[in-house]
């Protein structure tokens, strides 16, 4: 049974739970559990059974794949008020989880079991609408990633990534080449080579675990190249 404070948080992230006297509100209060997951926790590994469905109330979870060569690609992240579409798909189809889901920032999540999840899909229109909207939004995100990897040059995407994630003055990004490669869906060697080119051109200065942008204007030009 969720506590009143926990129910208030649930209503903030899922507005249809604002009224605890509705059927879905009463069921959520009695059947959901609030869990705390520290950063670094592996929620699912590839091949795991999906026995629960979770909606995040705080934190971030990263979902990614690892290829046979060890290369990583980030599929998506989800945070407050969101859930994992692969978990949704696995629960609905009774299939195994096809990727890896790891807590990136300390997370709290409302969790329900797979049988309750499927029951609510059939019984409650507001719950069904939430799940289908979630699927639609996340599918669009994944399709955008596929488009990026398949049709845009890596150097262009890397320049854009640096501009988006570097902060401060001068702008600095604290990340390893392996981390950047996983975000862009390429290899560490490719990222290292392109960063070396950027450095030779005077666009950045690269050190251990950090990249400093030296010429933002010219880096923006690289990010807009065709």
C-alpha atoms as a PDB file:
ATOM      1  CA  UNK A   1       0.000   0.000   0.000  1.00  0.00           C
ATOM      2  CA  UNK A   2       1.456   3.339  -1.055  1.00  0.00           C
ATOM      3  CA  UNK A   3       1.734   6.136   1.506  1.00  0.00           C
ATOM      4  CA  UNK A   4      -0.171   9.435   0.984  1.00  0.00           C
ATOM      5  CA  UNK A   5       3.083  11.239   0.089  1.00  0.00           C
ATOM      6  CA  UNK A   6       3.903   8.547  -2.488  1.00  0.00           C
ATOM      7  CA  UNK A   7       0.400   8.807  -3.950  1.00  0.00           C
ATOM      8  CA  UNK A   8       0.880  12.559  -4.298  1.00  0.00           C
ATOM      9  CA  UNK A   9       4.079  11.970  -6.262  1.00  0.00           C
ATOM     10  CA  UNK A  10       2.262   9.444  -8.468  1.00  0.00           C
ATOM     11  CA  UNK A  11      -0.415  12.037  -9.201  1.00  0.00           C
ATOM     12  CA  UNK A  12       2.242  14.575 -10.189  1.00  0.00           C
ATOM     13  CA  UNK A  13       3.793  12.314 -12.820  1.00  0.00           C
ATOM     14  CA  UNK A  14       0.564  10.591 -13.941  1.00  0.00           C
ATOM     15  CA  UNK A  15      -2.285  13.138 -13.751  1.00  0.00           C
ATOM     16  CA  UNK A  16      -4.996  10.496 -14.073  1.00  0.00           C
ATOM     17  CA  UNK A  17      -3.952   9.310 -10.592  1.00  0.00           C
ATOM     18  CA  UNK A  18      -4.668  12.693  -8.978  1.00  0.00           C
ATOM     19  CA  UNK A  19      -7.978  11.398  -7.629  1.00  0.00           C
ATOM     20  CA  UNK A  20      -7.229   8.388  -5.384  1.00  0.00           C
ATOM     21  CA  UNK A  21     -10.932   7.498  -5.207  1.00  0.00           C
ATOM     22  CA  UNK A  22     -11.169   6.460  -8.874  1.00  0.00           C
ATOM     23  CA  UNK A  23     -10.890   2.739  -9.691  1.00  0.00           C
ATOM     24  CA  UNK A  24      -7.426   3.135 -11.244  1.00  0.00           C
ATOM     25  CA  UNK A  25      -6.367   5.372  -8.344  1.00  0.00           C
ATOM     26  CA  UNK A  26      -7.449   2.800  -5.758  1.00  0.00           C
ATOM     27  CA  UNK A  27      -5.775  -0.055  -7.625  1.00  0.00           C
ATOM     28  CA  UNK A  28      -2.555   1.886  -8.049  1.00  0.00           C
ATOM     29  CA  UNK A  29      -2.454   2.719  -4.337  1.00  0.00           C
ATOM     30  CA  UNK A  30      -2.842  -0.924  -3.306  1.00  0.00           C
ATOM     31  CA  UNK A  31      -0.878  -2.741  -6.031  1.00  0.00           C
ATOM     32  CA  UNK A  32       2.058  -0.470  -6.891  1.00  0.00           C
ATOM     33  CA  UNK A  33       5.317  -0.373  -4.945  1.00  0.00           C
ATOM     34  CA  UNK A  34       7.849   2.461  -4.800  1.00  0.00           C
ATOM     35  CA  UNK A  35      11.418   1.192  -5.207  1.00  0.00           C
ATOM     36  CA  UNK A  36      14.747   3.000  -4.812  1.00  0.00           C
ATOM     37  CA  UNK A  37      17.542   1.994  -7.197  1.00  0.00           C
ATOM     38  CA  UNK A  38      21.084   3.396  -6.874  1.00  0.00           C
ATOM     39  CA  UNK A  39      23.153   4.437  -9.890  1.00  0.00           C
ATOM     40  CA  UNK A  40      24.893   1.493 -11.503  1.00  0.00           C
ATOM     41  CA  UNK A  41      22.108  -1.000 -10.798  1.00  0.00           C
ATOM     42  CA  UNK A  42      21.405  -3.334 -13.718  1.00  0.00           C
ATOM     43  CA  UNK A  43      17.644  -3.596 -14.030  1.00  0.00           C
ATOM     44  CA  UNK A  44      17.579  -5.991 -16.971  1.00  0.00           C
ATOM     45  CA  UNK A  45      20.253  -7.882 -18.848  1.00  0.00           C
ATOM     46  CA  UNK A  46      19.778  -9.229 -22.346  1.00  0.00           C
ATOM     47  CA  UNK A  47      17.658 -12.379 -22.200  1.00  0.00           C
ATOM     48  CA  UNK A  48      15.990 -11.605 -18.853  1.00  0.00           C
ATOM     49  CA  UNK A  49      12.292 -12.193 -18.314  1.00  0.00           C
ATOM     50  CA  UNK A  50      10.276  -9.006 -17.876  1.00  0.00           C
ATOM     51  CA  UNK A  51       8.189  -9.714 -14.798  1.00  0.00           C
ATOM     52  CA  UNK A  52       7.481  -6.084 -13.774  1.00  0.00           C
ATOM     53  CA  UNK A  53       6.603  -2.713 -15.286  1.00  0.00           C
ATOM     54  CA  UNK A  54       8.067   0.480 -13.802  1.00  0.00           C
ATOM     55  CA  UNK A  55       7.265   4.195 -14.079  1.00  0.00           C
ATOM     56  CA  UNK A  56      10.099   6.459 -12.949  1.00  0.00           C
ATOM     57  CA  UNK A  57       9.391   9.190 -10.422  1.00  0.00           C
ATOM     58  CA  UNK A  58      13.016  10.397 -10.418  1.00  0.00           C
ATOM     59  CA  UNK A  59      16.406   9.550 -11.879  1.00  0.00           C
ATOM     60  CA  UNK A  60      17.467   8.233 -15.279  1.00  0.00           C
ATOM     61  CA  UNK A  61      17.778   4.789 -16.839  1.00  0.00           C
ATOM     62  CA  UNK A  62      19.874   4.069 -19.924  1.00  0.00           C
ATOM     63  CA  UNK A  63      18.924   1.293 -22.336  1.00  0.00           C
ATOM     64  CA  UNK A  64      21.635   0.029 -24.685  1.00  0.00           C
ATOM     65  CA  UNK A  65      22.888  -2.872 -26.785  1.00  0.00           C
ATOM     66  CA  UNK A  66      26.331  -4.465 -26.921  1.00  0.00           C
ATOM     67  CA  UNK A  67      27.425  -6.093 -30.180  1.00  0.00           C
ATOM     68  CA  UNK A  68      29.595  -9.164 -30.602  1.00  0.00           C
ATOM     69  CA  UNK A  69      32.670  -6.934 -30.945  1.00  0.00           C
ATOM     70  CA  UNK A  70      31.902  -5.212 -27.650  1.00  0.00           C
ATOM     71  CA  UNK A  71      30.699  -2.024 -29.312  1.00  0.00           C
ATOM     72  CA  UNK A  72      27.850  -0.273 -27.486  1.00  0.00           C
ATOM     73  CA  UNK A  73      24.965   1.775 -28.796  1.00  0.00           C
ATOM     74  CA  UNK A  74      22.588   3.764 -26.617  1.00  0.00           C
ATOM     75  CA  UNK A  75      19.002   3.110 -27.707  1.00  0.00           C
ATOM     76  CA  UNK A  76      17.364   5.660 -25.412  1.00  0.00           C
ATOM     77  CA  UNK A  77      17.103   7.007 -21.895  1.00  0.00           C
ATOM     78  CA  UNK A  78      13.987   7.524 -19.843  1.00  0.00           C
ATOM     79  CA  UNK A  79      13.276   9.563 -16.734  1.00  0.00           C
ATOM     80  CA  UNK A  80      10.541  11.041 -14.569  1.00  0.00           C
ATOM     81  CA  UNK A  81       7.050   9.986 -15.658  1.00  0.00           C
ATOM     82  CA  UNK A  82       8.426   7.622 -18.299  1.00  0.00           C
ATOM     83  CA  UNK A  83       8.971   3.922 -18.683  1.00  0.00           C
ATOM     84  CA  UNK A  84      10.843   1.499 -20.920  1.00  0.00           C
ATOM     85  CA  UNK A  85       9.112   0.537 -24.165  1.00  0.00           C
ATOM     86  CA  UNK A  86      11.152  -2.653 -24.449  1.00  0.00           C
ATOM     87  CA  UNK A  87       9.839  -3.699 -21.045  1.00  0.00           C
ATOM     88  CA  UNK A  88       6.330  -2.853 -22.223  1.00  0.00           C
ATOM     89  CA  UNK A  89       6.782  -4.921 -25.369  1.00  0.00           C
ATOM     90  CA  UNK A  90       8.255  -7.853 -23.438  1.00  0.00           C
ATOM     91  CA  UNK A  91       5.461  -7.855 -20.854  1.00  0.00           C
ATOM     92  CA  UNK A  92       2.771  -7.727 -23.533  1.00  0.00           C
ATOM     93  CA  UNK A  93       4.381 -10.403 -25.716  1.00  0.00           C
ATOM     94  CA  UNK A  94       5.927 -12.567 -22.961  1.00  0.00           C
ATOM     95  CA  UNK A  95       9.336 -12.314 -24.672  1.00  0.00           C
ATOM     96  CA  UNK A  96      12.780 -11.852 -23.154  1.00  0.00           C
ATOM     97  CA  UNK A  97      14.404  -8.443 -22.766  1.00  0.00           C
ATOM     98  CA  UNK A  98      16.534  -7.767 -25.893  1.00  0.00           C
ATOM     99  CA  UNK A  99      18.944  -5.173 -24.465  1.00  0.00           C
ATOM    100  CA  UNK A 100      20.482  -3.953 -21.193  1.00  0.00           C
ATOM    101  CA  UNK A 101      18.872  -1.420 -18.850  1.00  0.00           C
ATOM    102  CA  UNK A 102      21.087   0.259 -16.230  1.00  0.00           C
ATOM    103  CA  UNK A 103      20.326   3.000 -13.704  1.00  0.00           C
ATOM    104  CA  UNK A 104      22.381   6.030 -14.732  1.00  0.00           C
ATOM    105  CA  UNK A 105      21.306   8.386 -11.925  1.00  0.00           C
ATOM    106  CA  UNK A 106      19.828   7.332  -8.569  1.00  0.00           C
ATOM    107  CA  UNK A 107      16.247   6.395  -9.341  1.00  0.00           C
ATOM    108  CA  UNK A 108      12.902   5.870  -7.669  1.00  0.00           C
ATOM    109  CA  UNK A 109      10.187   4.026  -9.569  1.00  0.00           C
ATOM    110  CA  UNK A 110       6.623   2.858  -9.114  1.00  0.00           C
ATOM    111  CA  UNK A 111       6.559  -0.844  -9.948  1.00  0.00           C
ATOM    112  CA  UNK A 112       3.681  -3.204 -10.727  1.00  0.00           C
ATOM    113  CA  UNK A 113       3.811  -6.866 -11.706  1.00  0.00           C
ATOM    114  CA  UNK A 114       3.248  -8.023 -15.269  1.00  0.00           C
ATOM    115  CA  UNK A 115      -0.187  -9.520 -14.582  1.00  0.00           C
ATOM    116  CA  UNK A 116      -1.491  -6.294 -13.047  1.00  0.00           C
ATOM    117  CA  UNK A 117      -0.036  -4.308 -15.955  1.00  0.00           C
ATOM    118  CA  UNK A 118      -1.885  -6.410 -18.544  1.00  0.00           C
ATOM    119  CA  UNK A 119      -5.082  -6.328 -16.486  1.00  0.00           C
ATOM    120  CA  UNK A 120      -5.018  -2.520 -16.339  1.00  0.00           C
ATOM    121  CA  UNK A 121      -4.455  -2.337 -20.106  1.00  0.00           C
ATOM    122  CA  UNK A 122      -7.766  -4.157 -20.552  1.00  0.00           C
ATOM    123  CA  UNK A 123      -9.716  -2.385 -17.805  1.00  0.00           C
ATOM    124  CA  UNK A 124      -8.608   1.248 -17.716  1.00  0.00           C
ATOM    125  CA  UNK A 125      -8.666   3.530 -20.754  1.00  0.00           C
ATOM    126  CA  UNK A 126      -6.450   6.156 -19.098  1.00  0.00           C
ATOM    127  CA  UNK A 127      -3.766   3.569 -18.347  1.00  0.00           C
ATOM    128  CA  UNK A 128      -3.994   2.182 -21.873  1.00  0.00           C
ATOM    129  CA  UNK A 129      -3.690   5.696 -23.334  1.00  0.00           C
ATOM    130  CA  UNK A 130      -0.599   6.362 -21.226  1.00  0.00           C
ATOM    131  CA  UNK A 131       1.106   3.151 -22.383  1.00  0.00           C
ATOM    132  CA  UNK A 132       0.283   3.668 -26.058  1.00  0.00           C
ATOM    133  CA  UNK A 133       1.434   7.307 -25.971  1.00  0.00           C
ATOM    134  CA  UNK A 134       4.653   6.152 -24.333  1.00  0.00           C
ATOM    135  CA  UNK A 135       5.194   3.595 -27.086  1.00  0.00           C
ATOM    136  CA  UNK A 136       4.553   6.173 -29.788  1.00  0.00           C
ATOM    137  CA  UNK A 137       6.941   8.773 -28.336  1.00  0.00           C
ATOM    138  CA  UNK A 138       9.761   6.328 -27.698  1.00  0.00           C
ATOM    139  CA  UNK A 139       9.416   4.715 -31.115  1.00  0.00           C
ATOM    140  CA  UNK A 140       9.907   8.143 -32.667  1.00  0.00           C
ATOM    141  CA  UNK A 141      13.084   8.545 -30.587  1.00  0.00           C
ATOM    142  CA  UNK A 142      14.470   5.200 -31.698  1.00  0.00           C
ATOM    143  CA  UNK A 143      13.657   5.935 -35.340  1.00  0.00           C
ATOM    144  CA  UNK A 144      15.530   9.235 -35.050  1.00  0.00           C
ATOM    145  CA  UNK A 145      18.560   7.343 -33.728  1.00  0.00           C
ATOM    146  CA  UNK A 146      18.401   4.903 -36.642  1.00  0.00           C
ATOM    147  CA  UNK A 147      18.219   7.828 -39.060  1.00  0.00           C
ATOM    148  CA  UNK A 148      21.215   9.490 -37.395  1.00  0.00           C
ATOM    149  CA  UNK A 149      23.390   6.386 -37.539  1.00  0.00           C
ATOM    150  CA  UNK A 150      22.384   5.335 -41.037  1.00  0.00           C
ATOM    151  CA  UNK A 151      22.339   8.642 -42.877  1.00  0.00           C
ATOM    152  CA  UNK A 152      24.488  11.255 -41.110  1.00  0.00           C
ATOM    153  CA  UNK A 153      28.276  11.365 -41.085  1.00  0.00           C
ATOM    154  CA  UNK A 154      29.924  10.540 -37.781  1.00  0.00           C
ATOM    155  CA  UNK A 155      32.063  13.692 -37.768  1.00  0.00           C
ATOM    156  CA  UNK A 156      28.946  15.838 -38.164  1.00  0.00           C
ATOM    157  CA  UNK A 157      27.155  14.023 -35.347  1.00  0.00           C
ATOM    158  CA  UNK A 158      30.228  14.204 -33.127  1.00  0.00           C
ATOM    159  CA  UNK A 159      30.570  17.953 -33.615  1.00  0.00           C
ATOM    160  CA  UNK A 160      26.901  18.369 -32.770  1.00  0.00           C
ATOM    161  CA  UNK A 161      27.260  16.138 -29.706  1.00  0.00           C
ATOM    162  CA  UNK A 162      30.157  18.211 -28.374  1.00  0.00           C
ATOM    163  CA  UNK A 163      28.253  21.464 -28.842  1.00  0.00           C
ATOM    164  CA  UNK A 164      25.161  20.085 -27.103  1.00  0.00           C
ATOM    165  CA  UNK A 165      26.893  18.580 -24.074  1.00  0.00           C
ATOM    166  CA  UNK A 166      29.883  20.823 -23.349  1.00  0.00           C
ATOM    167  CA  UNK A 167      29.276  23.392 -20.602  1.00  0.00           C
ATOM    168  CA  UNK A 168      31.071  26.302 -18.987  1.00  0.00           C
ATOM    169  CA  UNK A 169      33.483  28.889 -20.367  1.00  0.00           C
ATOM    170  CA  UNK A 170      35.416  27.678 -22.182  1.00  0.00           C
ATOM    171  CA  UNK A 171      32.935  24.854 -22.896  1.00  0.00           C
ATOM    172  CA  UNK A 172      34.153  21.514 -21.540  1.00  0.00           C
ATOM    173  CA  UNK A 173      32.740  18.006 -21.941  1.00  0.00           C
ATOM    174  CA  UNK A 174      33.815  15.433 -19.366  1.00  0.00           C
ATOM    175  CA  UNK A 175      33.512  12.074 -21.112  1.00  0.00           C
ATOM    176  CA  UNK A 176      35.669   9.234 -22.381  1.00  0.00           C
ATOM    177  CA  UNK A 177      35.978   8.365 -26.049  1.00  0.00           C
ATOM    178  CA  UNK A 178      34.220   5.066 -25.271  1.00  0.00           C
ATOM    179  CA  UNK A 179      31.270   6.866 -23.702  1.00  0.00           C
ATOM    180  CA  UNK A 180      30.906   9.173 -26.707  1.00  0.00           C
ATOM    181  CA  UNK A 181      31.143   6.202 -29.090  1.00  0.00           C
ATOM    182  CA  UNK A 182      28.319   4.453 -27.233  1.00  0.00           C
ATOM    183  CA  UNK A 183      26.154   7.571 -27.484  1.00  0.00           C
ATOM    184  CA  UNK A 184      26.787   7.922 -31.234  1.00  0.00           C
ATOM    185  CA  UNK A 185      26.566   4.226 -32.114  1.00  0.00           C
ATOM    186  CA  UNK A 186      30.080   3.963 -33.478  1.00  0.00           C
ATOM    187  CA  UNK A 187      33.467   2.632 -32.341  1.00  0.00           C
ATOM    188  CA  UNK A 188      35.913   4.227 -29.932  1.00  0.00           C
ATOM    189  CA  UNK A 189      38.582   4.165 -32.629  1.00  0.00           C
ATOM    190  CA  UNK A 190      36.424   6.228 -34.988  1.00  0.00           C
ATOM    191  CA  UNK A 191      35.680   8.790 -32.266  1.00  0.00           C
ATOM    192  CA  UNK A 192      39.365   9.042 -31.323  1.00  0.00           C
ATOM    193  CA  UNK A 193      40.366   9.564 -34.951  1.00  0.00           C
ATOM    194  CA  UNK A 194      37.807  12.319 -35.550  1.00  0.00           C
ATOM    195  CA  UNK A 195      38.655  14.060 -32.283  1.00  0.00           C
ATOM    196  CA  UNK A 196      42.308  14.004 -33.301  1.00  0.00           C
ATOM    197  CA  UNK A 197      41.317  15.674 -36.583  1.00  0.00           C
ATOM    198  CA  UNK A 198      39.273  18.297 -34.681  1.00  0.00           C
ATOM    199  CA  UNK A 199      42.269  18.915 -32.429  1.00  0.00           C
ATOM    200  CA  UNK A 200      44.656  19.285 -35.378  1.00  0.00           C
ATOM    201  CA  UNK A 201      42.258  21.823 -36.901  1.00  0.00           C
ATOM    202  CA  UNK A 202      42.237  23.840 -33.669  1.00  0.00           C
ATOM    203  CA  UNK A 203      38.542  23.181 -32.927  1.00  0.00           C
ATOM    204  CA  UNK A 204      39.066  21.393 -29.620  1.00  0.00           C
ATOM    205  CA  UNK A 205      41.692  20.451 -27.069  1.00  0.00           C
ATOM    206  CA  UNK A 206      41.419  16.855 -25.882  1.00  0.00           C
ATOM    207  CA  UNK A 207      42.833  15.475 -22.629  1.00  0.00           C
ATOM    208  CA  UNK A 208      42.227  12.515 -20.357  1.00  0.00           C
ATOM    209  CA  UNK A 209      38.485  12.321 -19.816  1.00  0.00           C
ATOM    210  CA  UNK A 210      37.754  15.828 -21.037  1.00  0.00           C
ATOM    211  CA  UNK A 211      37.330  17.781 -24.274  1.00  0.00           C
ATOM    212  CA  UNK A 212      37.597  21.571 -24.399  1.00  0.00           C
ATOM    213  CA  UNK A 213      35.975  23.467 -27.271  1.00  0.00           C
ATOM    214  CA  UNK A 214      38.422  26.076 -28.577  1.00  0.00           C
ATOM    215  CA  UNK A 215      36.555  27.380 -31.639  1.00  0.00           C
ATOM    216  CA  UNK A 216      32.770  27.098 -31.229  1.00  0.00           C
ATOM    217  CA  UNK A 217      31.956  28.898 -34.492  1.00  0.00           C
ATOM    218  CA  UNK A 218      34.010  26.590 -36.676  1.00  0.00           C
ATOM    219  CA  UNK A 219      32.792  23.531 -34.779  1.00  0.00           C
ATOM    220  CA  UNK A 220      29.219  24.641 -35.485  1.00  0.00           C
ATOM    221  CA  UNK A 221      30.117  24.809 -39.153  1.00  0.00           C
ATOM    222  CA  UNK A 222      31.291  21.187 -38.962  1.00  0.00           C
ATOM    223  CA  UNK A 223      28.047  20.215 -37.247  1.00  0.00           C
ATOM    224  CA  UNK A 224      26.052  21.746 -40.115  1.00  0.00           C
ATOM    225  CA  UNK A 225      28.059  20.153 -42.901  1.00  0.00           C
ATOM    226  CA  UNK A 226      26.259  17.893 -45.346  1.00  0.00           C
END
